[in-house]
């Protein structure tokens, strides 16, 4: 998911995030998800910065891990098929 600006409207951000998650649903594998998925969950369980604020450590929730694996699978298939024209990671 790419954000092109600072979200100022929380509802618009939630809609965009929900659309992104919904598009990943077909790529979810049952074995990748938590055994007891929650209806509502955070994507990030823990977040910490180092002393210089140059590095960040993020711990994804179990549900977010499953979504991340679905995203990786979708992107690998698209890349193998030559359908990716934009780099997955950009600075």
PDB file of N, CA and C in Angstrom:
ATOM      1  N   UNK A   1       0.853  -1.170   0.000  1.00  0.00           N
ATOM      2  CA  UNK A   1       0.000   0.000   0.000  1.00  0.00           C
ATOM      3  C   UNK A   1       0.892   1.224   0.000  1.00  0.00           C
ATOM      4  N   UNK A   2       0.591   2.143  -0.856  1.00  0.00           N
ATOM      5  CA  UNK A   2       1.379   3.363  -0.932  1.00  0.00           C
ATOM      6  C   UNK A   2       0.539   4.550  -0.489  1.00  0.00           C
ATOM      7  N   UNK A   3       1.138   5.386   0.316  1.00  0.00           N
ATOM      8  CA  UNK A   3       0.493   6.631   0.716  1.00  0.00           C
ATOM      9  C   UNK A   3       1.240   7.752   0.017  1.00  0.00           C
ATOM     10  N   UNK A   4       0.524   8.616  -0.649  1.00  0.00           N
ATOM     11  CA  UNK A   4       1.170   9.700  -1.381  1.00  0.00           C
ATOM     12  C   UNK A   4       1.143  11.013  -0.615  1.00  0.00           C
ATOM     13  N   UNK A   5       0.650  10.984   0.583  1.00  0.00           N
ATOM     14  CA  UNK A   5       0.605  12.196   1.393  1.00  0.00           C
ATOM     15  C   UNK A   5       0.285  11.834   2.825  1.00  0.00           C
ATOM     16  N   UNK A   6       0.200  12.827   3.642  1.00  0.00           N
ATOM     17  CA  UNK A   6      -0.146  12.606   5.038  1.00  0.00           C
ATOM     18  C   UNK A   6      -1.656  12.506   5.151  1.00  0.00           C
ATOM     19  N   UNK A   7      -2.155  11.372   5.676  1.00  0.00           N
ATOM     20  CA  UNK A   7      -3.617  11.243   5.779  1.00  0.00           C
ATOM     21  C   UNK A   7      -4.168  12.198   6.833  1.00  0.00           C
ATOM     22  N   UNK A   8      -5.093  13.023   6.427  1.00  0.00           N
ATOM     23  CA  UNK A   8      -5.705  13.961   7.370  1.00  0.00           C
ATOM     24  C   UNK A   8      -7.120  13.523   7.721  1.00  0.00           C
ATOM     25  N   UNK A   9      -7.696  12.690   6.884  1.00  0.00           N
ATOM     26  CA  UNK A   9      -9.054  12.204   7.098  1.00  0.00           C
ATOM     27  C   UNK A   9      -8.989  10.740   7.522  1.00  0.00           C
ATOM     28  N   UNK A  10      -9.230  10.482   8.789  1.00  0.00           N
ATOM     29  CA  UNK A  10      -9.123   9.126   9.332  1.00  0.00           C
ATOM     30  C   UNK A  10     -10.051   8.146   8.617  1.00  0.00           C
ATOM     31  N   UNK A  11     -11.249   8.577   8.283  1.00  0.00           N
ATOM     32  CA  UNK A  11     -12.203   7.698   7.599  1.00  0.00           C
ATOM     33  C   UNK A  11     -11.703   7.325   6.205  1.00  0.00           C
ATOM     34  N   UNK A  12     -11.123   8.279   5.496  1.00  0.00           N
ATOM     35  CA  UNK A  12     -10.588   7.993   4.156  1.00  0.00           C
ATOM     36  C   UNK A  12      -9.421   7.023   4.255  1.00  0.00           C
ATOM     37  N   UNK A  13      -8.582   7.207   5.260  1.00  0.00           N
ATOM     38  CA  UNK A  13      -7.455   6.292   5.461  1.00  0.00           C
ATOM     39  C   UNK A  13      -7.967   4.881   5.760  1.00  0.00           C
ATOM     40  N   UNK A  14      -8.958   4.767   6.625  1.00  0.00           N
ATOM     41  CA  UNK A  14      -9.529   3.458   6.969  1.00  0.00           C
ATOM     42  C   UNK A  14     -10.121   2.776   5.735  1.00  0.00           C
ATOM     43  N   UNK A  15     -10.822   3.535   4.907  1.00  0.00           N
ATOM     44  CA  UNK A  15     -11.393   2.969   3.674  1.00  0.00           C
ATOM     45  C   UNK A  15     -10.293   2.464   2.746  1.00  0.00           C
ATOM     46  N   UNK A  16      -9.231   3.239   2.601  1.00  0.00           N
ATOM     47  CA  UNK A  16      -8.116   2.835   1.739  1.00  0.00           C
ATOM     48  C   UNK A  16      -7.447   1.583   2.272  1.00  0.00           C
ATOM     49  N   UNK A  17      -7.228   1.538   3.570  1.00  0.00           N
ATOM     50  CA  UNK A  17      -6.602   0.369   4.183  1.00  0.00           C
ATOM     51  C   UNK A  17      -7.493  -0.857   4.048  1.00  0.00           C
ATOM     52  N   UNK A  18      -8.804  -0.689   4.246  1.00  0.00           N
ATOM     53  CA  UNK A  18      -9.727  -1.816   4.119  1.00  0.00           C
ATOM     54  C   UNK A  18      -9.750  -2.337   2.685  1.00  0.00           C
ATOM     55  N   UNK A  19      -9.717  -1.445   1.713  1.00  0.00           N
ATOM     56  CA  UNK A  19      -9.677  -1.853   0.304  1.00  0.00           C
ATOM     57  C   UNK A  19      -8.418  -2.657   0.021  1.00  0.00           C
ATOM     58  N   UNK A  20      -7.286  -2.194   0.535  1.00  0.00           N
ATOM     59  CA  UNK A  20      -6.012  -2.898   0.357  1.00  0.00           C
ATOM     60  C   UNK A  20      -6.093  -4.302   0.951  1.00  0.00           C
ATOM     61  N   UNK A  21      -6.615  -4.416   2.165  1.00  0.00           N
ATOM     62  CA  UNK A  21      -6.749  -5.715   2.830  1.00  0.00           C
ATOM     63  C   UNK A  21      -7.721  -6.614   2.072  1.00  0.00           C
ATOM     64  N   UNK A  22      -8.846  -6.065   1.643  1.00  0.00           N
ATOM     65  CA  UNK A  22      -9.837  -6.857   0.906  1.00  0.00           C
ATOM     66  C   UNK A  22      -9.257  -7.424  -0.390  1.00  0.00           C
ATOM     67  N   UNK A  23      -8.386  -6.650  -1.056  1.00  0.00           N
ATOM     68  CA  UNK A  23      -7.773  -7.118  -2.296  1.00  0.00           C
ATOM     69  C   UNK A  23      -6.793  -8.268  -2.047  1.00  0.00           C
ATOM     70  N   UNK A  24      -6.298  -8.387  -0.815  1.00  0.00           N
ATOM     71  CA  UNK A  24      -5.375  -9.481  -0.482  1.00  0.00           C
ATOM     72  C   UNK A  24      -6.104 -10.753  -0.054  1.00  0.00           C
ATOM     73  N   UNK A  25      -7.382 -10.663   0.267  1.00  0.00           N
ATOM     74  CA  UNK A  25      -8.123 -11.836   0.756  1.00  0.00           C
ATOM     75  C   UNK A  25      -7.998 -13.069  -0.138  1.00  0.00           C
ATOM     76  N   UNK A  26      -8.114 -12.941  -1.462  1.00  0.00           N
ATOM     77  CA  UNK A  26      -7.995 -14.152  -2.296  1.00  0.00           C
ATOM     78  C   UNK A  26      -6.612 -14.804  -2.214  1.00  0.00           C
ATOM     79  N   UNK A  27      -5.629 -14.062  -1.766  1.00  0.00           N
ATOM     80  CA  UNK A  27      -4.259 -14.581  -1.702  1.00  0.00           C
ATOM     81  C   UNK A  27      -3.930 -15.185  -0.343  1.00  0.00           C
ATOM     82  N   UNK A  28      -4.823 -15.065   0.613  1.00  0.00           N
ATOM     83  CA  UNK A  28      -4.567 -15.604   1.955  1.00  0.00           C
ATOM     84  C   UNK A  28      -4.624 -17.132   1.934  1.00  0.00           C
ATOM     85  N   UNK A  29      -3.660 -17.744   2.582  1.00  0.00           N
ATOM     86  CA  UNK A  29      -3.638 -19.193   2.748  1.00  0.00           C
ATOM     87  C   UNK A  29      -4.055 -19.503   4.179  1.00  0.00           C
ATOM     88  N   UNK A  30      -4.943 -20.449   4.357  1.00  0.00           N
ATOM     89  CA  UNK A  30      -5.460 -20.784   5.681  1.00  0.00           C
ATOM     90  C   UNK A  30      -4.335 -21.083   6.664  1.00  0.00           C
ATOM     91  N   UNK A  31      -3.308 -21.802   6.222  1.00  0.00           N
ATOM     92  CA  UNK A  31      -2.222 -22.191   7.125  1.00  0.00           C
ATOM     93  C   UNK A  31      -1.335 -21.000   7.508  1.00  0.00           C
ATOM     94  N   UNK A  32      -1.421 -19.892   6.797  1.00  0.00           N
ATOM     95  CA  UNK A  32      -0.600 -18.722   7.122  1.00  0.00           C
ATOM     96  C   UNK A  32      -1.210 -17.849   8.216  1.00  0.00           C
ATOM     97  N   UNK A  33      -2.496 -17.976   8.426  1.00  0.00           N
ATOM     98  CA  UNK A  33      -3.158 -17.117   9.397  1.00  0.00           C
ATOM     99  C   UNK A  33      -3.108 -17.678  10.801  1.00  0.00           C
ATOM    100  N   UNK A  34      -3.468 -16.854  11.782  1.00  0.00           N
ATOM    101  CA  UNK A  34      -3.532 -17.332  13.157  1.00  0.00           C
ATOM    102  C   UNK A  34      -4.670 -18.342  13.318  1.00  0.00           C
ATOM    103  N   UNK A  35      -4.528 -19.210  14.286  1.00  0.00           N
ATOM    104  CA  UNK A  35      -5.564 -20.232  14.496  1.00  0.00           C
ATOM    105  C   UNK A  35      -6.870 -19.625  14.971  1.00  0.00           C
ATOM    106  N   UNK A  36      -6.806 -18.502  15.672  1.00  0.00           N
ATOM    107  CA  UNK A  36      -8.013 -17.811  16.138  1.00  0.00           C
ATOM    108  C   UNK A  36      -7.962 -16.352  15.683  1.00  0.00           C
ATOM    109  N   UNK A  37      -8.227 -16.068  14.400  1.00  0.00           N
ATOM    110  CA  UNK A  37      -8.151 -14.685  13.933  1.00  0.00           C
ATOM    111  C   UNK A  37      -9.199 -13.810  14.602  1.00  0.00           C
ATOM    112  N   UNK A  38      -8.832 -12.584  14.851  1.00  0.00           N
ATOM    113  CA  UNK A  38      -9.741 -11.625  15.477  1.00  0.00           C
ATOM    114  C   UNK A  38     -10.470 -10.846  14.396  1.00  0.00           C
ATOM    115  N   UNK A  39     -11.721 -10.492  14.648  1.00  0.00           N
ATOM    116  CA  UNK A  39     -12.498  -9.708  13.684  1.00  0.00           C
ATOM    117  C   UNK A  39     -11.889  -8.319  13.526  1.00  0.00           C
ATOM    118  N   UNK A  40     -11.455  -7.738  14.617  1.00  0.00           N
ATOM    119  CA  UNK A  40     -10.770  -6.444  14.617  1.00  0.00           C
ATOM    120  C   UNK A  40      -9.388  -6.653  15.194  1.00  0.00           C
ATOM    121  N   UNK A  41      -8.377  -6.126  14.516  1.00  0.00           N
ATOM    122  CA  UNK A  41      -7.009  -6.310  14.986  1.00  0.00           C
ATOM    123  C   UNK A  41      -6.151  -5.144  14.524  1.00  0.00           C
ATOM    124  N   UNK A  42      -5.067  -4.945  15.214  1.00  0.00           N
ATOM    125  CA  UNK A  42      -4.091  -3.955  14.782  1.00  0.00           C
ATOM    126  C   UNK A  42      -3.133  -4.638  13.828  1.00  0.00           C
ATOM    127  N   UNK A  43      -2.501  -3.874  12.982  1.00  0.00           N
ATOM    128  CA  UNK A  43      -1.498  -4.437  12.093  1.00  0.00           C
ATOM    129  C   UNK A  43      -0.153  -4.550  12.801  1.00  0.00           C
ATOM    130  N   UNK A  44       0.084  -3.665  13.746  1.00  0.00           N
ATOM    131  CA  UNK A  44       1.375  -3.628  14.436  1.00  0.00           C
ATOM    132  C   UNK A  44       1.171  -3.911  15.917  1.00  0.00           C
ATOM    133  N   UNK A  45       1.872  -4.941  16.403  1.00  0.00           N
ATOM    134  CA  UNK A  45       1.799  -5.288  17.829  1.00  0.00           C
ATOM    135  C   UNK A  45       2.751  -4.430  18.652  1.00  0.00           C
ATOM    136  N   UNK A  46       3.914  -4.115  18.064  1.00  0.00           N
ATOM    137  CA  UNK A  46       4.923  -3.365  18.804  1.00  0.00           C
ATOM    138  C   UNK A  46       5.758  -2.561  17.820  1.00  0.00           C
ATOM    139  N   UNK A  47       6.190  -1.387  18.237  1.00  0.00           N
ATOM    140  CA  UNK A  47       7.010  -0.525  17.392  1.00  0.00           C
ATOM    141  C   UNK A  47       8.004   0.203  18.292  1.00  0.00           C
ATOM    142  N   UNK A  48       9.286   0.172  17.907  1.00  0.00           N
ATOM    143  CA  UNK A  48      10.309   0.835  18.724  1.00  0.00           C
ATOM    144  C   UNK A  48      11.375   1.449  17.820  1.00  0.00           C
ATOM    145  N   UNK A  49      11.873   2.603  18.210  1.00  0.00           N
ATOM    146  CA  UNK A  49      12.955   3.279  17.497  1.00  0.00           C
ATOM    147  C   UNK A  49      14.242   3.115  18.287  1.00  0.00           C
ATOM    148  N   UNK A  50      15.388   3.159  17.585  1.00  0.00           N
ATOM    149  CA  UNK A  50      16.663   3.139  18.295  1.00  0.00           C
ATOM    150  C   UNK A  50      16.956   4.545  18.822  1.00  0.00           C
ATOM    151  N   UNK A  51      18.099   4.698  19.489  1.00  0.00           N
ATOM    152  CA  UNK A  51      18.436   5.981  20.125  1.00  0.00           C
ATOM    153  C   UNK A  51      18.562   7.116  19.113  1.00  0.00           C
ATOM    154  N   UNK A  52      18.990   6.797  17.896  1.00  0.00           N
ATOM    155  CA  UNK A  52      19.198   7.830  16.877  1.00  0.00           C
ATOM    156  C   UNK A  52      17.959   8.057  16.010  1.00  0.00           C
ATOM    157  N   UNK A  53      16.951   7.248  16.205  1.00  0.00           N
ATOM    158  CA  UNK A  53      15.733   7.280  15.375  1.00  0.00           C
ATOM    159  C   UNK A  53      16.016   6.949  13.914  1.00  0.00           C
ATOM    160  N   UNK A  54      17.157   6.296  13.656  1.00  0.00           N
ATOM    161  CA  UNK A  54      17.491   5.872  12.298  1.00  0.00           C
ATOM    162  C   UNK A  54      16.921   4.499  11.976  1.00  0.00           C
ATOM    163  N   UNK A  55      16.786   3.666  12.987  1.00  0.00           N
ATOM    164  CA  UNK A  55      16.276   2.314  12.792  1.00  0.00           C
ATOM    165  C   UNK A  55      14.987   2.135  13.583  1.00  0.00           C
ATOM    166  N   UNK A  56      14.115   1.336  13.025  1.00  0.00           N
ATOM    167  CA  UNK A  56      12.841   1.053  13.675  1.00  0.00           C
ATOM    168  C   UNK A  56      12.621  -0.456  13.686  1.00  0.00           C
ATOM    169  N   UNK A  57      12.102  -0.944  14.770  1.00  0.00           N
ATOM    170  CA  UNK A  57      11.757  -2.360  14.890  1.00  0.00           C
ATOM    171  C   UNK A  57      10.237  -2.443  14.981  1.00  0.00           C
ATOM    172  N   UNK A  58       9.653  -3.233  14.090  1.00  0.00           N
ATOM    173  CA  UNK A  58       8.205  -3.378  14.042  1.00  0.00           C
ATOM    174  C   UNK A  58       7.864  -4.849  14.187  1.00  0.00           C
ATOM    175  N   UNK A  59       6.943  -5.160  15.091  1.00  0.00           N
ATOM    176  CA  UNK A  59       6.443  -6.524  15.250  1.00  0.00           C
ATOM    177  C   UNK A  59       5.004  -6.525  14.740  1.00  0.00           C
ATOM    178  N   UNK A  60       4.785  -7.297  13.680  1.00  0.00           N
ATOM    179  CA  UNK A  60       3.446  -7.382  13.098  1.00  0.00           C
ATOM    180  C   UNK A  60       2.543  -8.280  13.932  1.00  0.00           C
ATOM    181  N   UNK A  61       1.253  -7.995  13.899  1.00  0.00           N
ATOM    182  CA  UNK A  61       0.278  -8.878  14.537  1.00  0.00           C
ATOM    183  C   UNK A  61       0.206 -10.162  13.714  1.00  0.00           C
ATOM    184  N   UNK A  62      -0.312 -11.260  14.276  1.00  0.00           N
ATOM    185  CA  UNK A  62      -0.442 -12.502  13.501  1.00  0.00           C
ATOM    186  C   UNK A  62      -1.269 -12.310  12.227  1.00  0.00           C
ATOM    187  N   UNK A  63      -2.310 -11.513  12.313  1.00  0.00           N
ATOM    188  CA  UNK A  63      -3.136 -11.257  11.133  1.00  0.00           C
ATOM    189  C   UNK A  63      -2.351 -10.465  10.083  1.00  0.00           C
ATOM    190  N   UNK A  64      -1.572  -9.491  10.526  1.00  0.00           N
ATOM    191  CA  UNK A  64      -0.757  -8.701   9.601  1.00  0.00           C
ATOM    192  C   UNK A  64       0.312  -9.568   8.953  1.00  0.00           C
ATOM    193  N   UNK A  65       0.871 -10.524   9.695  1.00  0.00           N
ATOM    194  CA  UNK A  65       1.845 -11.442   9.105  1.00  0.00           C
ATOM    195  C   UNK A  65       1.206 -12.241   7.968  1.00  0.00           C
ATOM    196  N   UNK A  66      -0.021 -12.705   8.168  1.00  0.00           N
ATOM    197  CA  UNK A  66      -0.720 -13.455   7.120  1.00  0.00           C
ATOM    198  C   UNK A  66      -0.967 -12.564   5.909  1.00  0.00           C
ATOM    199  N   UNK A  67      -1.358 -11.311   6.131  1.00  0.00           N
ATOM    200  CA  UNK A  67      -1.577 -10.380   5.023  1.00  0.00           C
ATOM    201  C   UNK A  67      -0.272 -10.086   4.292  1.00  0.00           C
ATOM    202  N   UNK A  68       0.826  -9.977   5.042  1.00  0.00           N
ATOM    203  CA  UNK A  68       2.126  -9.720   4.425  1.00  0.00           C
ATOM    204  C   UNK A  68       2.544 -10.895   3.541  1.00  0.00           C
ATOM    205  N   UNK A  69       2.321 -12.121   4.018  1.00  0.00           N
ATOM    206  CA  UNK A  69       2.639 -13.300   3.200  1.00  0.00           C
ATOM    207  C   UNK A  69       1.765 -13.331   1.943  1.00  0.00           C
ATOM    208  N   UNK A  70       0.501 -12.941   2.062  1.00  0.00           N
ATOM    209  CA  UNK A  70      -0.386 -12.885   0.899  1.00  0.00           C
ATOM    210  C   UNK A  70       0.114 -11.842  -0.093  1.00  0.00           C
ATOM    211  N   UNK A  71       0.559 -10.703   0.409  1.00  0.00           N
ATOM    212  CA  UNK A  71       1.098  -9.645  -0.446  1.00  0.00           C
ATOM    213  C   UNK A  71       2.348 -10.140  -1.170  1.00  0.00           C
ATOM    214  N   UNK A  72       3.239 -10.838  -0.438  1.00  0.00           N
ATOM    215  CA  UNK A  72       4.442 -11.383  -1.066  1.00  0.00           C
ATOM    216  C   UNK A  72       4.088 -12.369  -2.174  1.00  0.00           C
ATOM    217  N   UNK A  73       3.142 -13.249  -1.918  1.00  0.00           N
ATOM    218  CA  UNK A  73       2.717 -14.246  -2.899  1.00  0.00           C
ATOM    219  C   UNK A  73       2.153 -13.561  -4.134  1.00  0.00           C
ATOM    220  N   UNK A  74       1.268 -12.612  -3.934  1.00  0.00           N
ATOM    221  CA  UNK A  74       0.657 -11.891  -5.055  1.00  0.00           C
ATOM    222  C   UNK A  74       1.718 -11.182  -5.885  1.00  0.00           C
ATOM    223  N   UNK A  75       2.651 -10.511  -5.218  1.00  0.00           N
ATOM    224  CA  UNK A  75       3.684  -9.773  -5.934  1.00  0.00           C
ATOM    225  C   UNK A  75       4.655 -10.696  -6.656  1.00  0.00           C
ATOM    226  N   UNK A  76       4.971 -11.854  -6.081  1.00  0.00           N
ATOM    227  CA  UNK A  76       5.872 -12.798  -6.743  1.00  0.00           C
ATOM    228  C   UNK A  76       5.236 -13.315  -8.032  1.00  0.00           C
ATOM    229  N   UNK A  77       3.977 -13.677  -7.968  1.00  0.00           N
ATOM    230  CA  UNK A  77       3.293 -14.180  -9.161  1.00  0.00           C
ATOM    231  C   UNK A  77       3.214 -13.089 -10.229  1.00  0.00           C
ATOM    232  N   UNK A  78       2.904 -11.867  -9.820  1.00  0.00           N
ATOM    233  CA  UNK A  78       2.837 -10.757 -10.774  1.00  0.00           C
ATOM    234  C   UNK A  78       4.213 -10.488 -11.374  1.00  0.00           C
ATOM    235  N   UNK A  79       5.247 -10.538 -10.551  1.00  0.00           N
ATOM    236  CA  UNK A  79       6.612 -10.303 -11.032  1.00  0.00           C
ATOM    237  C   UNK A  79       7.039 -11.395 -11.999  1.00  0.00           C
ATOM    238  N   UNK A  80       6.782 -12.658 -11.641  1.00  0.00           N
ATOM    239  CA  UNK A  80       7.142 -13.786 -12.511  1.00  0.00           C
ATOM    240  C   UNK A  80       6.423 -13.701 -13.861  1.00  0.00           C
ATOM    241  N   UNK A  81       5.246 -13.115 -13.857  1.00  0.00           N
ATOM    242  CA  UNK A  81       4.470 -12.978 -15.093  1.00  0.00           C
ATOM    243  C   UNK A  81       4.825 -11.695 -15.851  1.00  0.00           C
ATOM    244  N   UNK A  82       5.736 -10.894 -15.266  1.00  0.00           N
ATOM    245  CA  UNK A  82       6.131  -9.647 -15.909  1.00  0.00           C
ATOM    246  C   UNK A  82       5.112  -8.543 -15.772  1.00  0.00           C
ATOM    247  N   UNK A  83       4.238  -8.657 -14.781  1.00  0.00           N
ATOM    248  CA  UNK A  83       3.175  -7.664 -14.615  1.00  0.00           C
ATOM    249  C   UNK A  83       3.541  -6.522 -13.673  1.00  0.00           C
ATOM    250  N   UNK A  84       4.627  -6.668 -12.907  1.00  0.00           N
ATOM    251  CA  UNK A  84       5.049  -5.599 -11.997  1.00  0.00           C
ATOM    252  C   UNK A  84       5.889  -4.595 -12.762  1.00  0.00           C
ATOM    253  N   UNK A  85       5.461  -3.364 -12.774  1.00  0.00           N
ATOM    254  CA  UNK A  85       6.233  -2.317 -13.432  1.00  0.00           C
ATOM    255  C   UNK A  85       6.771  -1.309 -12.429  1.00  0.00           C
ATOM    256  N   UNK A  86       6.349  -1.431 -11.181  1.00  0.00           N
ATOM    257  CA  UNK A  86       6.789  -0.538 -10.121  1.00  0.00           C
ATOM    258  C   UNK A  86       7.485  -1.358  -9.067  1.00  0.00           C
ATOM    259  N   UNK A  87       8.602  -0.860  -8.555  1.00  0.00           N
ATOM    260  CA  UNK A  87       9.309  -1.580  -7.510  1.00  0.00           C
ATOM    261  C   UNK A  87       8.437  -1.719  -6.266  1.00  0.00           C
ATOM    262  N   UNK A  88       8.490  -2.886  -5.624  1.00  0.00           N
ATOM    263  CA  UNK A  88       7.681  -3.131  -4.434  1.00  0.00           C
ATOM    264  C   UNK A  88       8.138  -2.247  -3.280  1.00  0.00           C
ATOM    265  N   UNK A  89       9.433  -1.994  -3.188  1.00  0.00           N
ATOM    266  CA  UNK A  89       9.962  -1.169  -2.099  1.00  0.00           C
ATOM    267  C   UNK A  89      10.578   0.077  -2.719  1.00  0.00           C
ATOM    268  N   UNK A  90      10.262   1.208  -2.180  1.00  0.00           N
ATOM    269  CA  UNK A  90      10.875   2.451  -2.663  1.00  0.00           C
ATOM    270  C   UNK A  90      11.112   3.362  -1.473  1.00  0.00           C
ATOM    271  N   UNK A  91      12.092   4.198  -1.621  1.00  0.00           N
ATOM    272  CA  UNK A  91      12.430   5.161  -0.564  1.00  0.00           C
ATOM    273  C   UNK A  91      11.829   6.501  -0.859  1.00  0.00           C
TER     274      UNK A  91
END
